[in-house]
Amino acid sequence: MVSSQILLGMGCSIVSTILTNIGILIQKHSADVEKGKHLCKRWRFWLGFTINMGSEVGLTTVALALAPLSFIAPLAGLAVVFNALIARLGVIPGVKERMRRTEWLATVCIMA
């Protein structure tokens, strides 16, 4: 039976993966709309960087402290699924990508 501590660690890992993907997509949006600006003036880039770094340093560290790597590592594959869904749904304003049938099929295969 899986303990509540391990489940909490797995939950932290999943939330971290979602936040990391949101941060990366914000940085992608920054590359599209702030490309003429100097790096220190790209507020979207730094927002995405902070979200990404914060989730990895904070939540992933907690996840690894609470659950064994054998439970956490397989959840890393969900990053592809979360990225596809977040980009498709347009969660980040300015970033909405269409997925073809083959891309949906590949995402379903990863989930399986």
N, C-alpha and C. Protein backbone atom coordinates (compact mmCIF):
# COMPACT_ATOMS: atom_id res chain seq x y z
N MET A 1 0.83 -1.19 0.00
CA MET A 1 0.00 0.00 0.00
C MET A 1 0.87 1.25 0.00
N VAL A 2 0.47 2.24 -0.74
CA VAL A 2 1.22 3.48 -0.87
C VAL A 2 0.84 4.41 0.27
N SER A 3 1.84 4.95 0.95
CA SER A 3 1.58 5.84 2.09
C SER A 3 1.13 7.22 1.62
N SER A 4 0.55 7.96 2.54
CA SER A 4 0.10 9.32 2.21
C SER A 4 1.28 10.22 1.91
N GLN A 5 2.43 9.94 2.51
CA GLN A 5 3.63 10.73 2.25
C GLN A 5 4.08 10.56 0.79
N ILE A 6 4.03 9.34 0.30
CA ILE A 6 4.41 9.09 -1.09
C ILE A 6 3.41 9.74 -2.04
N LEU A 7 2.14 9.66 -1.71
CA LEU A 7 1.11 10.31 -2.55
C LEU A 7 1.31 11.82 -2.57
N LEU A 8 1.66 12.40 -1.43
CA LEU A 8 1.93 13.84 -1.38
C LEU A 8 3.14 14.18 -2.24
N GLY A 9 4.17 13.35 -2.18
CA GLY A 9 5.35 13.56 -3.02
C GLY A 9 5.01 13.48 -4.50
N MET A 10 4.18 12.52 -4.86
CA MET A 10 3.76 12.38 -6.25
C MET A 10 2.92 13.59 -6.68
N GLY A 11 2.06 14.07 -5.79
CA GLY A 11 1.26 15.26 -6.09
C GLY A 11 2.14 16.49 -6.30
N CYS A 12 3.16 16.65 -5.44
CA CYS A 12 4.10 17.76 -5.60
C CYS A 12 4.82 17.67 -6.94
N SER A 13 5.18 16.46 -7.33
CA SER A 13 5.87 16.26 -8.61
C SER A 13 4.97 16.64 -9.79
N ILE A 14 3.70 16.26 -9.73
CA ILE A 14 2.77 16.59 -10.81
C ILE A 14 2.54 18.10 -10.89
N VAL A 15 2.34 18.75 -9.74
CA VAL A 15 2.14 20.21 -9.73
C VAL A 15 3.40 20.91 -10.23
N SER A 16 4.56 20.41 -9.84
CA SER A 16 5.82 20.98 -10.31
C SER A 16 5.94 20.86 -11.83
N THR A 17 5.55 19.73 -12.37
CA THR A 17 5.60 19.52 -13.82
C THR A 17 4.68 20.49 -14.54
N ILE A 18 3.49 20.70 -14.02
CA ILE A 18 2.55 21.64 -14.63
C ILE A 18 3.11 23.06 -14.58
N LEU A 19 3.61 23.47 -13.42
CA LEU A 19 4.16 24.83 -13.29
C LEU A 19 5.39 25.03 -14.17
N THR A 20 6.23 24.00 -14.27
CA THR A 20 7.40 24.09 -15.14
C THR A 20 6.98 24.31 -16.59
N ASN A 21 5.97 23.59 -17.03
CA ASN A 21 5.48 23.76 -18.40
C ASN A 21 4.88 25.14 -18.62
N ILE A 22 4.15 25.64 -17.65
CA ILE A 22 3.60 26.99 -17.76
C ILE A 22 4.73 28.01 -17.86
N GLY A 23 5.76 27.84 -17.03
CA GLY A 23 6.91 28.74 -17.10
C GLY A 23 7.60 28.71 -18.45
N ILE A 24 7.78 27.52 -18.99
CA ILE A 24 8.43 27.38 -20.30
C ILE A 24 7.59 28.03 -21.40
N LEU A 25 6.27 27.86 -21.34
CA LEU A 25 5.41 28.47 -22.36
C LEU A 25 5.38 29.98 -22.24
N ILE A 26 5.49 30.51 -21.02
CA ILE A 26 5.60 31.96 -20.85
C ILE A 26 6.91 32.45 -21.48
N GLN A 27 7.98 31.70 -21.30
CA GLN A 27 9.26 32.07 -21.92
C GLN A 27 9.17 31.99 -23.45
N LYS A 28 8.44 31.02 -23.96
CA LYS A 28 8.23 30.91 -25.40
C LYS A 28 7.48 32.13 -25.91
N HIS A 29 6.46 32.52 -25.18
CA HIS A 29 5.69 33.71 -25.57
C HIS A 29 6.58 34.95 -25.53
N SER A 30 7.45 35.03 -24.55
CA SER A 30 8.40 36.15 -24.47
C SER A 30 9.29 36.20 -25.70
N ALA A 31 9.76 35.04 -26.15
CA ALA A 31 10.62 35.00 -27.34
C ALA A 31 9.88 35.51 -28.57
N ASP A 32 8.56 35.30 -28.61
CA ASP A 32 7.77 35.75 -29.76
C ASP A 32 7.46 37.25 -29.71
N VAL A 33 7.11 37.77 -28.54
CA VAL A 33 6.62 39.16 -28.47
C VAL A 33 7.66 40.16 -27.96
N GLU A 34 8.73 39.69 -27.34
CA GLU A 34 9.73 40.60 -26.79
C GLU A 34 11.10 40.42 -27.45
N LYS A 35 11.11 39.90 -28.67
CA LYS A 35 12.39 39.55 -29.29
C LYS A 35 13.29 40.75 -29.57
N GLY A 36 12.76 41.94 -29.69
CA GLY A 36 13.59 43.10 -29.95
C GLY A 36 14.16 43.75 -28.71
N LYS A 37 13.73 43.30 -27.55
CA LYS A 37 14.15 43.91 -26.28
C LYS A 37 15.39 43.23 -25.73
N HIS A 38 16.14 43.98 -24.96
CA HIS A 38 17.29 43.43 -24.25
C HIS A 38 16.77 42.44 -23.21
N LEU A 39 17.55 41.41 -22.91
CA LEU A 39 17.11 40.35 -22.01
C LEU A 39 16.65 40.87 -20.65
N CYS A 40 17.32 41.88 -20.12
CA CYS A 40 16.94 42.38 -18.79
C CYS A 40 15.60 43.11 -18.82
N LYS A 41 15.08 43.45 -19.99
CA LYS A 41 13.79 44.14 -20.11
C LYS A 41 12.66 43.22 -20.54
N ARG A 42 12.92 41.94 -20.64
CA ARG A 42 11.89 40.97 -21.02
C ARG A 42 11.22 40.42 -19.76
N TRP A 43 10.20 41.11 -19.30
CA TRP A 43 9.56 40.71 -18.04
C TRP A 43 8.89 39.35 -18.15
N ARG A 44 8.36 39.00 -19.31
CA ARG A 44 7.72 37.70 -19.47
C ARG A 44 8.74 36.56 -19.34
N PHE A 45 9.91 36.79 -19.92
CA PHE A 45 10.97 35.79 -19.81
C PHE A 45 11.30 35.53 -18.35
N TRP A 46 11.48 36.60 -17.59
CA TRP A 46 11.86 36.45 -16.19
C TRP A 46 10.73 35.88 -15.34
N LEU A 47 9.49 36.18 -15.69
CA LEU A 47 8.35 35.58 -15.00
C LEU A 47 8.34 34.07 -15.23
N GLY A 48 8.49 33.66 -16.49
CA GLY A 48 8.54 32.23 -16.81
C GLY A 48 9.72 31.55 -16.15
N PHE A 49 10.87 32.21 -16.17
CA PHE A 49 12.07 31.67 -15.53
C PHE A 49 11.85 31.45 -14.03
N THR A 50 11.23 32.44 -13.38
CA THR A 50 10.98 32.36 -11.94
C THR A 50 10.00 31.24 -11.60
N ILE A 51 8.94 31.12 -12.38
CA ILE A 51 7.97 30.04 -12.16
C ILE A 51 8.63 28.68 -12.36
N ASN A 52 9.38 28.55 -13.44
CA ASN A 52 10.07 27.30 -13.76
C ASN A 52 11.07 26.95 -12.66
N MET A 53 11.92 27.88 -12.31
CA MET A 53 12.96 27.63 -11.31
C MET A 53 12.33 27.37 -9.93
N GLY A 54 11.32 28.14 -9.59
CA GLY A 54 10.67 27.96 -8.29
C GLY A 54 10.02 26.59 -8.15
N SER A 55 9.39 26.14 -9.21
CA SER A 55 8.73 24.83 -9.14
C SER A 55 9.75 23.71 -9.06
N GLU A 56 10.83 23.84 -9.80
CA GLU A 56 11.86 22.80 -9.78
C GLU A 56 12.61 22.76 -8.45
N VAL A 57 13.02 23.93 -7.97
CA VAL A 57 13.79 23.97 -6.72
C VAL A 57 12.89 23.67 -5.52
N GLY A 58 11.68 24.21 -5.54
CA GLY A 58 10.79 24.02 -4.40
C GLY A 58 10.05 22.71 -4.41
N LEU A 59 9.14 22.55 -5.36
CA LEU A 59 8.25 21.39 -5.36
C LEU A 59 8.95 20.08 -5.71
N THR A 60 9.85 20.11 -6.68
CA THR A 60 10.53 18.87 -7.05
C THR A 60 11.41 18.37 -5.90
N THR A 61 12.05 19.29 -5.21
CA THR A 61 12.87 18.91 -4.06
C THR A 61 12.01 18.27 -2.97
N VAL A 62 10.85 18.86 -2.71
CA VAL A 62 9.93 18.30 -1.72
C VAL A 62 9.45 16.92 -2.18
N ALA A 63 9.11 16.81 -3.45
CA ALA A 63 8.63 15.54 -4.00
C ALA A 63 9.67 14.44 -3.81
N LEU A 64 10.92 14.76 -4.09
CA LEU A 64 11.98 13.76 -3.97
C LEU A 64 12.27 13.42 -2.51
N ALA A 65 11.99 14.35 -1.61
CA ALA A 65 12.18 14.07 -0.18
C ALA A 65 11.07 13.18 0.36
N LEU A 66 9.88 13.26 -0.24
CA LEU A 66 8.73 12.51 0.27
C LEU A 66 8.53 11.15 -0.38
N ALA A 67 8.94 11.02 -1.62
CA ALA A 67 8.66 9.78 -2.34
C ALA A 67 9.93 9.26 -3.01
N PRO A 68 10.04 7.94 -3.15
CA PRO A 68 11.20 7.38 -3.84
C PRO A 68 11.23 7.76 -5.31
N LEU A 69 12.42 7.80 -5.85
CA LEU A 69 12.59 8.15 -7.26
C LEU A 69 11.83 7.21 -8.17
N SER A 70 11.65 5.97 -7.75
CA SER A 70 10.92 5.02 -8.59
C SER A 70 9.45 5.42 -8.77
N PHE A 71 8.92 6.23 -7.89
CA PHE A 71 7.56 6.75 -8.04
C PHE A 71 7.55 8.08 -8.79
N ILE A 72 8.59 8.88 -8.58
CA ILE A 72 8.64 10.23 -9.16
C ILE A 72 9.07 10.21 -10.63
N ALA A 73 10.07 9.41 -10.98
CA ALA A 73 10.62 9.41 -12.33
C ALA A 73 9.59 9.15 -13.43
N PRO A 74 8.69 8.18 -13.28
CA PRO A 74 7.71 7.96 -14.35
C PRO A 74 6.78 9.15 -14.57
N LEU A 75 6.59 9.95 -13.53
CA LEU A 75 5.72 11.12 -13.67
C LEU A 75 6.33 12.18 -14.58
N ALA A 76 7.64 12.12 -14.80
CA ALA A 76 8.30 13.09 -15.68
C ALA A 76 7.77 12.99 -17.10
N GLY A 77 7.31 11.81 -17.51
CA GLY A 77 6.73 11.64 -18.84
C GLY A 77 5.46 12.45 -19.03
N LEU A 78 4.82 12.80 -17.91
CA LEU A 78 3.60 13.61 -18.01
C LEU A 78 3.90 15.03 -18.49
N ALA A 79 5.16 15.44 -18.44
CA ALA A 79 5.52 16.78 -18.91
C ALA A 79 5.12 16.98 -20.37
N VAL A 80 5.31 15.96 -21.18
CA VAL A 80 4.94 16.04 -22.59
C VAL A 80 3.43 16.21 -22.73
N VAL A 81 2.69 15.45 -21.94
CA VAL A 81 1.23 15.51 -22.00
C VAL A 81 0.74 16.87 -21.52
N PHE A 82 1.25 17.32 -20.37
CA PHE A 82 0.82 18.62 -19.83
C PHE A 82 1.16 19.75 -20.79
N ASN A 83 2.36 19.69 -21.39
CA ASN A 83 2.76 20.74 -22.32
C ASN A 83 1.82 20.78 -23.52
N ALA A 84 1.49 19.62 -24.05
CA ALA A 84 0.58 19.56 -25.20
C ALA A 84 -0.79 20.13 -24.85
N LEU A 85 -1.31 19.75 -23.69
CA LEU A 85 -2.63 20.21 -23.30
C LEU A 85 -2.66 21.69 -22.97
N ILE A 86 -1.66 22.16 -22.23
CA ILE A 86 -1.61 23.58 -21.86
C ILE A 86 -1.47 24.45 -23.11
N ALA A 87 -0.61 24.03 -24.04
CA ALA A 87 -0.43 24.79 -25.29
C ALA A 87 -1.69 24.74 -26.14
N ARG A 88 -2.34 23.59 -26.19
CA ARG A 88 -3.56 23.45 -27.00
C ARG A 88 -4.72 24.26 -26.45
N LEU A 89 -4.87 24.27 -25.12
CA LEU A 89 -5.99 24.98 -24.50
C LEU A 89 -5.77 26.49 -24.43
N GLY A 90 -4.57 26.95 -24.69
CA GLY A 90 -4.30 28.38 -24.66
C GLY A 90 -4.30 28.96 -23.26
N VAL A 91 -3.81 28.17 -22.28
CA VAL A 91 -3.76 28.63 -20.90
C VAL A 91 -2.92 29.89 -20.77
N ILE A 92 -1.84 29.97 -21.54
CA ILE A 92 -0.99 31.16 -21.57
C ILE A 92 -1.47 32.05 -22.70
N PRO A 93 -1.95 33.26 -22.38
CA PRO A 93 -2.41 34.15 -23.46
C PRO A 93 -1.32 34.37 -24.51
N GLY A 94 -1.69 34.21 -25.76
CA GLY A 94 -0.74 34.38 -26.85
C GLY A 94 -0.07 33.09 -27.30
N VAL A 95 -0.28 32.01 -26.55
CA VAL A 95 0.30 30.72 -26.90
C VAL A 95 -0.83 29.71 -27.00
N LYS A 96 -1.23 29.43 -28.23
CA LYS A 96 -2.25 28.41 -28.47
C LYS A 96 -1.84 27.66 -29.73
N GLU A 97 -1.64 26.38 -29.58
CA GLU A 97 -1.16 25.56 -30.70
C GLU A 97 -2.19 24.50 -31.03
N ARG A 98 -2.36 24.27 -32.30
CA ARG A 98 -3.27 23.21 -32.76
C ARG A 98 -2.49 21.91 -32.82
N MET A 99 -3.18 20.82 -32.54
CA MET A 99 -2.57 19.51 -32.63
C MET A 99 -3.29 18.69 -33.68
N ARG A 100 -2.50 18.05 -34.54
CA ARG A 100 -3.08 17.16 -35.54
C ARG A 100 -3.39 15.81 -34.91
N ARG A 101 -4.08 14.99 -35.65
CA ARG A 101 -4.48 13.68 -35.17
C ARG A 101 -3.29 12.85 -34.71
N THR A 102 -2.21 12.87 -35.47
CA THR A 102 -1.03 12.08 -35.10
C THR A 102 -0.41 12.59 -33.80
N GLU A 103 -0.46 13.89 -33.57
CA GLU A 103 0.09 14.44 -32.33
C GLU A 103 -0.76 14.04 -31.13
N TRP A 104 -2.10 14.01 -31.31
CA TRP A 104 -2.99 13.55 -30.25
C TRP A 104 -2.72 12.07 -29.97
N LEU A 105 -2.55 11.29 -31.02
CA LEU A 105 -2.29 9.86 -30.87
C LEU A 105 -0.97 9.64 -30.10
N ALA A 106 0.04 10.39 -30.44
CA ALA A 106 1.31 10.27 -29.75
C ALA A 106 1.17 10.65 -28.27
N THR A 107 0.39 11.67 -27.98
CA THR A 107 0.17 12.08 -26.59
C THR A 107 -0.57 10.99 -25.81
N VAL A 108 -1.55 10.37 -26.44
CA VAL A 108 -2.29 9.28 -25.80
C VAL A 108 -1.36 8.09 -25.55
N CYS A 109 -0.47 7.81 -26.50
CA CYS A 109 0.49 6.71 -26.30
C CYS A 109 1.41 6.99 -25.12
N ILE A 110 1.84 8.22 -24.96
CA ILE A 110 2.69 8.58 -23.82
C ILE A 110 1.92 8.38 -22.52
N MET A 111 0.66 8.79 -22.50
CA MET A 111 -0.15 8.62 -21.29
C MET A 111 -0.33 7.15 -20.95
N ALA A 112 -0.48 6.34 -21.97
CA ALA A 112 -0.67 4.90 -21.72
C ALA A 112 0.60 4.28 -21.18
